[in-house]
């Protein structure tokens, strides 16, 4: 953000640091002042030019790049924050199939480590109505076994891939195989 030199209508927004909602952090770095605001779980970051002062008409510049369309919501949230409006809380989060599978696998592991039977685990995960169809070698028991194997794989290092860390980067230096 920088002060605007253009002569425009008197309705153009003016900069007011105290109108920006949330906890504010101003830091001075190599590229000037940076304003970081925190409103609940959302963070907004803005670089402030040295010619910007309180009450000045301002202009915002955004970096051009291939992901600009994907950043429009974030830029809109920043524009709203500059006008004194807190970003809307995103109370609905989309649960992906993979996230649900990870959750169920870890819940199944918790149950197994607590001494629960496969049937008890299935009842906790899928409900009492699903367990009515329980068979010793049925589909539901196979699902519980699969979840337990998956969770055990997480425990033995599979969590590294969930964290997005490549296997080679996670290993200590000097553990390279001998040739």
Protein backbone atom coordinates (compact mmCIF):
# COMPACT_ATOMS: atom_id res chain seq x y z
CA UNK A 1 0.00 0.00 0.00
CA UNK A 2 1.18 3.47 -0.80
CA UNK A 3 -0.21 6.98 -0.75
CA UNK A 4 -2.19 7.84 -3.86
CA UNK A 5 -1.14 10.84 -5.91
CA UNK A 6 -4.19 10.76 -8.17
CA UNK A 7 -6.80 13.45 -7.74
CA UNK A 8 -10.06 11.65 -7.28
CA UNK A 9 -13.40 11.97 -5.66
CA UNK A 10 -13.58 12.82 -1.96
CA UNK A 11 -15.19 9.42 -1.35
CA UNK A 12 -11.92 7.56 -1.91
CA UNK A 13 -10.85 5.56 1.15
CA UNK A 14 -8.26 6.95 3.51
CA UNK A 15 -5.79 4.96 5.56
CA UNK A 16 -6.56 4.61 9.27
CA UNK A 17 -4.43 2.08 11.12
CA UNK A 18 -6.83 1.90 14.06
CA UNK A 19 -9.79 1.08 11.82
CA UNK A 20 -8.14 -2.20 10.76
CA UNK A 21 -9.64 -4.92 12.99
CA UNK A 22 -7.69 -7.42 15.05
CA UNK A 23 -4.36 -7.57 16.80
CA UNK A 24 -1.81 -5.55 14.87
CA UNK A 25 1.94 -6.09 14.50
CA UNK A 26 4.09 -3.52 12.71
CA UNK A 27 7.57 -4.67 11.79
CA UNK A 28 10.38 -2.84 10.07
CA UNK A 29 12.32 -4.92 7.59
CA UNK A 30 14.56 -4.42 4.59
CA UNK A 31 11.57 -3.64 2.38
CA UNK A 32 9.92 -1.16 4.78
CA UNK A 33 7.02 -1.48 7.19
CA UNK A 34 4.89 -4.60 7.21
CA UNK A 35 1.49 -4.67 8.91
CA UNK A 36 0.31 -8.08 10.10
CA UNK A 37 -3.17 -8.30 11.60
CA UNK A 38 -4.73 -11.31 13.24
CA UNK A 39 -8.50 -11.65 13.42
CA UNK A 40 -9.43 -14.97 15.05
CA UNK A 41 -7.73 -17.61 12.84
CA UNK A 42 -7.15 -15.35 9.83
CA UNK A 43 -4.00 -13.37 9.15
CA UNK A 44 -3.71 -10.40 6.83
CA UNK A 45 -0.32 -9.11 5.70
CA UNK A 46 0.28 -5.75 4.01
CA UNK A 47 3.47 -3.91 3.04
CA UNK A 48 3.23 -0.21 3.77
CA UNK A 49 5.19 2.33 1.75
CA UNK A 50 7.14 4.97 3.66
CA UNK A 51 5.04 7.78 2.13
CA UNK A 52 1.79 6.42 3.62
CA UNK A 53 0.50 8.33 6.63
CA UNK A 54 -2.64 8.26 8.71
CA UNK A 55 -5.57 9.87 6.86
CA UNK A 56 -3.94 9.70 3.42
CA UNK A 57 -5.75 8.43 0.36
CA UNK A 58 -4.09 5.16 -0.55
CA UNK A 59 -3.61 2.75 -3.42
CA UNK A 60 -3.03 -0.96 -3.13
CA UNK A 61 -0.77 -2.84 -5.50
CA UNK A 62 -0.82 -6.60 -5.82
CA UNK A 63 1.92 -8.75 -7.29
CA UNK A 64 1.09 -10.14 -10.70
CA UNK A 65 1.60 -13.83 -11.11
CA UNK A 66 0.03 -16.98 -12.47
CA UNK A 67 -1.97 -17.58 -9.26
CA UNK A 68 -3.61 -14.15 -9.16
CA UNK A 69 -7.17 -15.44 -9.64
CA UNK A 70 -6.73 -17.81 -6.71
CA UNK A 71 -5.65 -14.92 -4.49
CA UNK A 72 -8.59 -12.63 -5.23
CA UNK A 73 -10.51 -13.73 -2.12
CA UNK A 74 -7.50 -12.92 0.08
CA UNK A 75 -7.10 -9.50 -1.55
CA UNK A 76 -10.81 -8.80 -1.09
CA UNK A 77 -10.51 -9.73 2.61
CA UNK A 78 -7.63 -7.28 2.95
CA UNK A 79 -9.61 -4.52 1.26
CA UNK A 80 -12.52 -5.15 3.64
CA UNK A 81 -10.16 -5.10 6.65
CA UNK A 82 -8.75 -1.75 5.55
CA UNK A 83 -12.28 -0.37 5.62
CA UNK A 84 -12.78 -1.66 9.17
CA UNK A 85 -14.75 -4.81 8.41
CA UNK A 86 -13.55 -7.99 10.08
CA UNK A 87 -13.14 -10.93 7.70
CA UNK A 88 -16.09 -13.27 7.72
CA UNK A 89 -15.59 -16.39 9.79
CA UNK A 90 -15.46 -19.47 7.63
CA UNK A 91 -17.40 -21.80 9.89
CA UNK A 92 -17.91 -24.45 7.23
CA UNK A 93 -14.91 -26.42 6.14
CA UNK A 94 -15.08 -28.96 3.40
CA UNK A 95 -14.10 -32.38 4.65
CA UNK A 96 -12.26 -34.35 2.01
CA UNK A 97 -12.53 -38.08 1.65
CA UNK A 98 -8.82 -38.44 2.42
CA UNK A 99 -9.15 -36.41 5.64
CA UNK A 100 -12.08 -38.55 6.77
CA UNK A 101 -10.10 -41.70 6.01
CA UNK A 102 -7.12 -40.43 8.04
CA UNK A 103 -9.40 -39.51 10.93
CA UNK A 104 -11.13 -42.89 10.98
CA UNK A 105 -7.82 -44.73 10.76
CA UNK A 106 -6.44 -42.90 13.78
CA UNK A 107 -9.70 -43.38 15.70
CA UNK A 108 -9.58 -47.11 14.92
CA UNK A 109 -6.01 -47.27 16.20
CA UNK A 110 -7.01 -45.49 19.40
CA UNK A 111 -9.77 -48.03 19.90
CA UNK A 112 -7.49 -51.00 19.24
CA UNK A 113 -4.86 -49.67 21.65
CA UNK A 114 -7.57 -49.25 24.28
CA UNK A 115 -8.47 -52.94 23.87
CA UNK A 116 -11.69 -52.58 21.85
CA UNK A 117 -12.78 -55.40 19.57
CA UNK A 118 -13.13 -54.90 15.83
CA UNK A 119 -16.89 -54.88 16.26
CA UNK A 120 -16.69 -52.17 18.95
CA UNK A 121 -14.44 -50.09 16.71
CA UNK A 122 -16.89 -50.46 13.82
CA UNK A 123 -19.75 -49.39 16.06
CA UNK A 124 -17.85 -46.29 17.19
CA UNK A 125 -16.85 -45.34 13.64
CA UNK A 126 -19.88 -46.29 11.55
CA UNK A 127 -22.75 -46.40 14.05
CA UNK A 128 -24.94 -49.04 15.61
CA UNK A 129 -27.09 -49.44 12.48
CA UNK A 130 -24.09 -50.48 10.40
CA UNK A 131 -22.96 -53.08 12.96
CA UNK A 132 -26.31 -54.87 12.68
CA UNK A 133 -24.91 -56.36 9.45
CA UNK A 134 -21.75 -57.58 11.21
CA UNK A 135 -20.23 -60.85 9.97
CA UNK A 136 -16.97 -62.46 11.03
CA UNK A 137 -15.60 -62.08 7.50
CA UNK A 138 -17.88 -59.31 6.28
CA UNK A 139 -17.29 -56.02 4.53
CA UNK A 140 -17.45 -53.93 7.71
CA UNK A 141 -14.80 -56.02 9.47
CA UNK A 142 -12.59 -55.75 6.37
CA UNK A 143 -13.00 -51.97 6.51
CA UNK A 144 -11.90 -51.94 10.17
CA UNK A 145 -8.89 -54.13 9.36
CA UNK A 146 -7.96 -51.83 6.50
CA UNK A 147 -8.19 -48.76 8.75
CA UNK A 148 -6.02 -50.43 11.39
CA UNK A 149 -3.37 -51.39 8.81
CA UNK A 150 -3.42 -47.84 7.47
CA UNK A 151 -2.99 -46.35 10.96
CA UNK A 152 -0.14 -48.74 11.74
CA UNK A 153 1.54 -47.62 8.51
CA UNK A 154 1.20 -44.00 9.70
CA UNK A 155 2.88 -44.98 12.96
CA UNK A 156 5.78 -46.63 11.19
CA UNK A 157 6.69 -43.53 9.19
CA UNK A 158 3.72 -42.94 6.89
CA UNK A 159 2.93 -39.74 8.75
CA UNK A 160 5.94 -38.19 6.99
CA UNK A 161 4.12 -38.34 3.66
CA UNK A 162 0.99 -36.85 5.27
CA UNK A 163 3.09 -33.90 6.44
CA UNK A 164 4.28 -33.34 2.87
CA UNK A 165 7.91 -34.12 3.65
CA UNK A 166 9.83 -36.11 1.09
CA UNK A 167 11.33 -39.28 2.47
CA UNK A 168 14.94 -38.39 1.57
CA UNK A 169 14.66 -35.02 3.32
CA UNK A 170 13.27 -36.64 6.47
CA UNK A 171 16.20 -39.01 6.95
CA UNK A 172 19.30 -37.89 8.78
CA UNK A 173 22.39 -37.03 6.76
CA UNK A 174 24.87 -39.87 6.69
CA UNK A 175 22.21 -42.58 6.39
CA UNK A 176 22.83 -43.03 2.68
CA UNK A 177 23.09 -46.66 1.59
CA UNK A 178 26.57 -48.02 0.96
CA UNK A 179 27.34 -48.90 -2.66
